[in-house]
Amino acid sequence: MSTSPAPVLEVESLHLTLPGLPRPVLAGVDLTVRAGETVALVGESGSGKSLTSRAALGLLPPGATAAGTVRVAGEDVLAMAPDRLRGLRASTASMIFQDPRAAMDPLRRLGDFLTEGVRYASAKAPDGRLAELLDAVGLPPRILRQYPHELSGGMLQRVMIAAALLPGPRLLLADEPTTALDTTTQAETIALLTRLREREGCGLLFVTHDLELAAAISDRVYVMYAGRIVETGAAATLFEHPRHPYTRALLAATPRLEAPPGPLPAIPGRPPDLRTVLTGCAFAPRCARATDLCGAEVPVPRAGVACHHSEVPR
């Protein structure tokens, strides 16, 4: 009898509060990534996607208070001592950031950047590992002597991917890694990342606001709104048959070549301000199907969707 791969990331009931804000920015997030699996975390800007992914590395904002459990390879990140946490970031879990230029020291050569993590952990990459990864991402060895300003954005993102994979992590976190790239380079980067993730066998949490991209790259999807997971499921099923009104609204607002002329569909209203205390479903003020119940009670997730009316026919 076959069994599912072990989880490399388990987030359970994660709450995150920031000083001066009356409500949590993450309110009970549950999320799992298994070895060899690509999981997409989607939603509008400000929904809490990046905070959730960074929590896996213990990269919390100053003054933040976290409750719940975040386990990477079975170890609770929120309970780790600083030295152990730094070791985890240099070996077990790695992140590919949105803007590679912002993540690199412009005064240091790229060779230093690539090997910084393993050197910090007092480890050594296997012989030939760096050369192998440079070849896999399509970069010549000479870039090790170059500085960030000498490479294009797409090439720097390839350096970032190689650096993240160098220690052989079990978990790879990608925080909108193609946002700063042109369309052609985006496609090349995603194809490269997918191929390397399959080769390395690590789990990948891919944060994006691009639903088309999430559908193409992921095995499972979590849809996030106002610090909560509102829907989750297999990528093919979720995008073919979305059950939460927010998921359907996001898909309806996706630009398509075959769309009729006229204004693009848009979700009415705006995401809730963090300074606003919420009662009931956070999406209720923007939802055409909202009732008094939606404004009074937070929906409990059932069968992967948190909506009081998810079973009402469209």
Protein backbone atom coordinates (compact mmCIF):
# COMPACT_ATOMS: atom_id res chain seq x y z
CA MET A 1 0.00 0.00 0.00
CA SER A 2 1.46 3.37 -1.04
CA THR A 3 1.71 6.19 1.47
CA SER A 4 1.90 9.94 0.97
CA PRO A 5 5.32 11.58 1.33
CA ALA A 6 6.02 13.07 4.75
CA PRO A 7 5.22 16.77 5.20
CA VAL A 8 8.21 19.10 5.03
CA LEU A 9 6.09 22.07 6.16
CA GLU A 10 3.18 21.91 8.58
CA VAL A 11 1.45 25.11 9.66
CA GLU A 12 -1.27 24.63 12.26
CA SER A 13 -3.54 27.35 13.65
CA LEU A 14 -0.94 30.06 13.04
CA HIS A 15 -1.90 33.43 14.51
CA LEU A 16 0.33 36.48 14.07
CA THR A 17 -0.30 39.85 15.69
CA LEU A 18 1.60 43.10 15.23
CA PRO A 19 1.90 45.98 17.72
CA GLY A 20 -0.78 48.64 17.36
CA LEU A 21 -3.13 46.58 15.20
CA PRO A 22 -6.49 45.54 16.68
CA ARG A 23 -6.73 42.21 14.83
CA PRO A 24 -4.26 39.48 13.85
CA VAL A 25 -2.64 39.68 10.42
CA LEU A 26 -2.73 35.87 10.32
CA ALA A 27 -5.80 34.34 11.94
CA GLY A 28 -5.57 30.57 12.26
CA VAL A 29 -3.69 29.54 9.12
CA ASP A 30 -3.43 25.79 8.40
CA LEU A 31 -1.19 24.67 5.54
CA THR A 32 0.85 21.60 4.55
CA VAL A 33 3.56 20.99 1.95
CA ARG A 34 4.82 17.45 1.33
CA ALA A 35 8.12 16.32 -0.11
CA GLY A 36 8.13 16.47 -3.91
CA GLU A 37 4.97 18.60 -3.99
CA THR A 38 4.36 22.11 -5.29
CA VAL A 39 1.77 24.06 -3.31
CA ALA A 40 0.58 27.51 -4.41
CA LEU A 41 -0.54 30.18 -1.94
CA VAL A 42 -2.64 32.77 -3.78
CA GLY A 43 -4.57 35.91 -2.95
CA GLU A 44 -4.58 39.68 -3.28
CA SER A 45 -1.77 41.86 -1.95
CA GLY A 46 -2.00 42.20 1.83
CA SER A 47 -3.75 38.87 2.37
CA GLY A 48 -0.86 37.45 4.42
CA LYS A 49 0.82 35.20 1.85
CA SER A 50 4.37 36.46 2.33
CA LEU A 51 4.06 36.52 6.12
CA THR A 52 2.94 32.89 6.06
CA SER A 53 5.89 31.79 3.93
CA ARG A 54 8.40 33.79 5.96
CA ALA A 55 7.08 32.28 9.18
CA ALA A 56 8.49 28.96 7.94
CA LEU A 57 11.95 30.49 8.36
CA GLY A 58 11.15 32.39 11.54
CA LEU A 59 11.44 35.68 9.63
CA LEU A 60 8.78 37.56 11.57
CA PRO A 61 8.34 41.36 11.62
CA PRO A 62 9.79 43.27 14.61
CA GLY A 63 7.49 43.08 17.61
CA ALA A 64 5.37 40.31 16.10
CA THR A 65 3.72 37.79 18.41
CA ALA A 66 3.10 34.33 16.96
CA ALA A 67 0.93 31.51 18.28
CA GLY A 68 0.28 28.08 16.84
CA THR A 69 2.74 25.66 15.27
CA VAL A 70 5.09 25.93 12.29
CA ARG A 71 7.04 22.71 11.72
CA VAL A 72 9.75 22.33 9.09
CA ALA A 73 10.96 18.75 8.64
CA GLY A 74 9.27 17.93 11.94
CA GLU A 75 10.90 20.72 14.00
CA ASP A 76 8.89 23.59 15.48
CA VAL A 77 10.34 26.80 14.03
CA LEU A 78 8.55 29.07 16.51
CA ALA A 79 10.20 27.28 19.44
CA MET A 80 13.72 27.15 18.00
CA ALA A 81 16.72 28.81 19.59
CA PRO A 82 18.36 31.46 17.37
CA ASP A 83 21.42 29.32 16.55
CA ARG A 84 19.29 26.37 15.49
CA LEU A 85 17.04 28.67 13.45
CA ARG A 86 20.02 30.05 11.55
CA GLY A 87 21.18 26.52 10.87
CA LEU A 88 17.76 25.58 9.51
CA ARG A 89 17.83 28.55 7.11
CA ALA A 90 21.25 27.47 5.86
CA SER A 91 20.42 23.81 5.30
CA THR A 92 16.84 22.56 5.62
CA ALA A 93 14.75 25.40 4.19
CA SER A 94 15.61 28.09 1.64
CA MET A 95 13.78 31.06 0.18
CA ILE A 96 13.79 32.60 -3.29
CA PHE A 97 12.88 36.25 -2.83
CA GLN A 98 10.83 38.43 -5.16
CA ASP A 99 13.57 40.93 -5.99
CA PRO A 100 17.01 39.32 -6.31
CA ARG A 101 18.81 42.68 -6.40
CA ALA A 102 17.37 43.63 -3.02
CA ALA A 103 18.56 40.29 -1.57
CA MET A 104 22.18 40.64 -2.68
CA ASP A 105 25.00 42.87 -1.45
CA PRO A 106 26.00 44.99 -4.48
CA LEU A 107 29.59 45.20 -3.18
CA ARG A 108 30.16 41.44 -2.98
CA ARG A 109 30.85 39.01 -5.80
CA LEU A 110 28.13 36.50 -6.69
CA GLY A 111 30.38 33.61 -5.71
CA ASP A 112 30.32 34.88 -2.12
CA PHE A 113 26.52 35.18 -2.23
CA LEU A 114 26.08 31.66 -3.59
CA THR A 115 28.16 30.00 -0.90
CA GLU A 116 27.28 32.26 2.03
CA GLY A 117 24.60 29.98 3.45
CA VAL A 118 26.66 26.79 3.62
CA ARG A 119 29.71 28.68 4.91
CA TYR A 120 27.63 30.27 7.66
CA ALA A 121 26.41 26.83 8.72
CA SER A 122 30.03 25.61 8.80
CA ALA A 123 29.09 23.10 6.14
CA LYS A 124 30.50 22.24 2.77
CA ALA A 125 28.57 21.54 -0.40
CA PRO A 126 29.48 18.23 -2.08
CA ASP A 127 32.30 18.47 -4.59
CA GLY A 128 30.99 19.64 -7.93
CA ARG A 129 27.61 20.67 -6.49
CA LEU A 130 28.03 24.38 -7.25
CA ALA A 131 29.27 23.77 -10.80
CA GLU A 132 26.41 21.32 -11.35
CA LEU A 133 23.80 23.84 -10.21
CA LEU A 134 25.27 26.65 -12.29
CA ASP A 135 25.04 24.41 -15.32
CA ALA A 136 21.47 23.42 -14.39
CA VAL A 137 20.33 27.05 -14.21
CA GLY A 138 22.18 27.92 -17.43
CA LEU A 139 24.89 30.18 -16.01
CA PRO A 140 28.63 30.07 -16.84
CA PRO A 141 31.22 29.68 -14.03
CA ARG A 142 32.56 33.18 -14.74
CA ILE A 143 29.54 34.74 -12.99
CA LEU A 144 31.14 33.71 -9.67
CA ARG A 145 33.60 36.58 -10.16
CA GLN A 146 30.97 39.10 -11.19
CA TYR A 147 28.89 41.60 -9.21
CA PRO A 148 25.06 41.82 -9.18
CA HIS A 149 24.98 44.96 -11.35
CA GLU A 150 26.69 43.05 -14.17
CA LEU A 151 23.78 40.62 -14.64
CA SER A 152 20.21 41.05 -15.84
CA GLY A 153 17.23 40.50 -13.55
CA GLY A 154 16.53 37.10 -15.07
CA MET A 155 20.13 35.95 -14.62
CA LEU A 156 20.14 37.17 -11.02
CA GLN A 157 17.01 35.18 -10.30
CA ARG A 158 18.81 32.11 -11.66
CA VAL A 159 21.64 32.86 -9.23
CA MET A 160 19.04 33.12 -6.45
CA ILE A 161 17.58 29.72 -7.38
CA ALA A 162 21.03 28.11 -7.44
CA ALA A 163 21.88 29.62 -4.04
CA ALA A 164 18.62 28.34 -2.56
CA LEU A 165 19.23 24.81 -3.85
CA LEU A 166 22.95 24.60 -3.04
CA PRO A 167 22.58 23.19 0.52
CA GLY A 168 20.05 20.59 -0.70
CA PRO A 169 17.03 21.92 1.25
CA ARG A 170 13.98 19.81 1.95
CA LEU A 171 11.72 22.87 1.69
CA LEU A 172 11.91 25.61 -0.92
CA LEU A 173 9.93 28.83 -0.43
CA ALA A 174 9.36 31.08 -3.45
CA ASP A 175 7.88 34.50 -2.66
CA GLU A 176 6.54 35.79 -6.01
CA PRO A 177 9.91 35.09 -7.68
CA THR A 178 8.85 36.23 -11.16
CA THR A 179 7.11 39.54 -10.38
CA ALA A 180 10.08 41.72 -11.35
CA LEU A 181 10.75 39.83 -14.61
CA ASP A 182 9.40 40.28 -18.14
CA THR A 183 6.92 37.72 -19.48
CA THR A 184 9.42 35.65 -21.45
CA THR A 185 11.89 35.51 -18.57
CA GLN A 186 9.05 34.63 -16.20
CA ALA A 187 8.17 31.57 -18.29
CA GLU A 188 11.83 30.49 -18.47
CA THR A 189 12.26 30.92 -14.70
CA ILE A 190 9.12 28.93 -13.87
CA ALA A 191 10.12 26.09 -16.20
CA LEU A 192 13.58 26.05 -14.64
CA LEU A 193 12.24 26.09 -11.09
CA THR A 194 9.77 23.29 -11.84
CA ARG A 195 12.45 21.10 -13.40
CA LEU A 196 14.90 21.62 -10.55
CA ARG A 197 12.25 21.05 -7.88
CA GLU A 198 11.41 17.71 -9.50
CA ARG A 199 15.09 16.78 -9.73
CA GLU A 200 15.88 17.73 -6.13
CA GLY A 201 12.71 16.19 -4.68
CA CYS A 202 12.08 19.03 -2.23
CA GLY A 203 8.71 20.51 -1.35
CA LEU A 204 7.90 23.92 -2.85
CA LEU A 205 5.60 26.60 -1.45
CA PHE A 206 4.99 29.05 -4.29
CA VAL A 207 3.51 32.42 -3.29
CA THR A 208 1.79 34.30 -6.11
CA HIS A 209 -1.12 36.54 -7.02
CA ASP A 210 -1.18 35.08 -10.55
CA LEU A 211 -3.87 32.41 -10.67
CA GLU A 212 -2.97 31.24 -14.17
CA LEU A 213 0.57 30.64 -12.98
CA ALA A 214 -0.64 28.83 -9.87
CA ALA A 215 -2.80 26.55 -12.00
CA ALA A 216 0.14 25.70 -14.26
CA ILE A 217 2.77 25.00 -11.60
CA SER A 218 1.02 23.59 -8.53
CA ASP A 219 -0.35 20.27 -7.30
CA ARG A 220 -2.48 21.89 -4.61
CA VAL A 221 -3.63 25.45 -3.94
CA TYR A 222 -4.48 27.50 -0.86
CA VAL A 223 -6.53 30.66 -1.40
CA MET A 224 -5.94 33.34 1.23
CA TYR A 225 -7.98 36.39 2.19
CA ALA A 226 -7.49 38.78 5.11
CA GLY A 227 -5.15 36.43 6.98
CA ARG A 228 -7.27 33.30 6.60
CA ILE A 229 -7.30 30.33 4.25
CA VAL A 230 -10.73 30.48 2.58
CA GLU A 231 -10.38 27.55 0.18
CA THR A 232 -7.95 24.73 -0.53
CA GLY A 233 -7.86 21.75 -2.84
CA ALA A 234 -6.18 20.04 -5.76
CA ALA A 235 -5.21 22.64 -8.37
CA ALA A 236 -7.20 21.12 -11.23
CA THR A 237 -10.36 20.74 -9.13
CA LEU A 238 -10.15 24.13 -7.46
CA PHE A 239 -9.73 26.09 -10.67
CA GLU A 240 -12.34 24.07 -12.58
CA HIS A 241 -14.93 24.14 -9.78
CA PRO A 242 -14.18 26.96 -7.30
CA ARG A 243 -16.57 26.94 -4.34
CA HIS A 244 -15.71 30.10 -2.41
CA PRO A 245 -17.08 33.38 -3.80
CA TYR A 246 -13.65 34.98 -3.42
CA THR A 247 -11.96 32.26 -5.48
CA ARG A 248 -14.61 32.64 -8.19
CA ALA A 249 -14.20 36.42 -8.15
CA LEU A 250 -10.41 36.13 -8.53
CA LEU A 251 -10.80 33.77 -11.49
CA ALA A 252 -13.42 36.02 -13.10
CA ALA A 253 -11.05 39.00 -12.82
CA THR A 254 -8.20 37.17 -14.60
CA PRO A 255 -7.54 38.80 -18.02
CA ARG A 256 -8.17 36.44 -20.94
CA LEU A 257 -7.50 36.78 -24.67
CA GLU A 258 -10.95 35.43 -25.53
CA ALA A 259 -12.74 37.91 -23.25
CA PRO A 260 -15.26 40.23 -24.98
CA PRO A 261 -14.34 43.90 -25.47
CA GLY A 262 -15.00 46.23 -22.57
CA PRO A 263 -13.79 46.86 -19.04
CA LEU A 264 -12.12 43.97 -17.22
CA PRO A 265 -14.18 42.38 -14.44
CA ALA A 266 -13.12 43.50 -10.98
CA ILE A 267 -13.92 42.55 -7.40
CA PRO A 268 -15.95 45.41 -5.88
CA GLY A 269 -14.60 47.20 -2.83
CA ARG A 270 -11.22 46.78 -1.22
CA PRO A 271 -9.57 44.24 1.11
CA PRO A 272 -10.19 45.10 4.78
CA ASP A 273 -7.82 47.52 6.47
CA LEU A 274 -5.66 45.94 9.18
CA ARG A 275 -6.78 48.69 11.55
CA THR A 276 -10.38 47.53 11.22
CA VAL A 277 -11.84 44.97 13.62
CA LEU A 278 -13.68 42.29 11.66
CA THR A 279 -16.80 40.42 12.62
CA GLY A 280 -18.04 37.49 10.62
CA CYS A 281 -16.64 36.66 7.19
CA ALA A 282 -14.00 39.17 6.07
CA PHE A 283 -15.16 38.89 2.45
CA ALA A 284 -18.83 39.59 3.25
CA PRO A 285 -18.73 43.35 2.37
CA ARG A 286 -17.55 42.47 -1.16
CA CYS A 287 -19.67 39.35 -1.68
CA ALA A 288 -22.93 39.41 -3.66
CA ARG A 289 -24.16 36.31 -1.79
CA ALA A 290 -23.56 37.62 1.74
CA THR A 291 -26.35 37.31 4.30
CA ASP A 292 -26.79 38.45 7.89
CA LEU A 293 -25.13 35.20 8.98
CA CYS A 294 -21.99 36.09 7.01
CA GLY A 295 -21.67 39.42 8.82
CA ALA A 296 -22.16 37.85 12.25
CA GLU A 297 -20.18 34.59 12.27
CA VAL A 298 -16.74 33.59 10.96
CA PRO A 299 -17.32 30.55 8.72
CA VAL A 300 -15.70 27.32 9.88
CA PRO A 301 -13.80 25.48 7.10
CA ARG A 302 -15.74 22.47 5.82
CA ALA A 303 -14.36 20.12 3.17
CA GLY A 304 -11.68 22.63 2.24
CA VAL A 305 -13.79 25.80 2.00
CA ALA A 306 -14.65 28.43 4.63
CA CYS A 307 -17.99 29.84 3.49
CA HIS A 308 -21.48 29.72 4.97
CA HIS A 309 -22.98 29.30 1.49
CA SER A 310 -20.36 27.30 -0.40
CA GLU A 311 -22.88 24.62 -1.32
CA VAL A 312 -25.41 27.06 -2.80
CA PRO A 313 -25.53 26.52 -6.60
CA ARG A 314 -23.93 29.27 -8.67
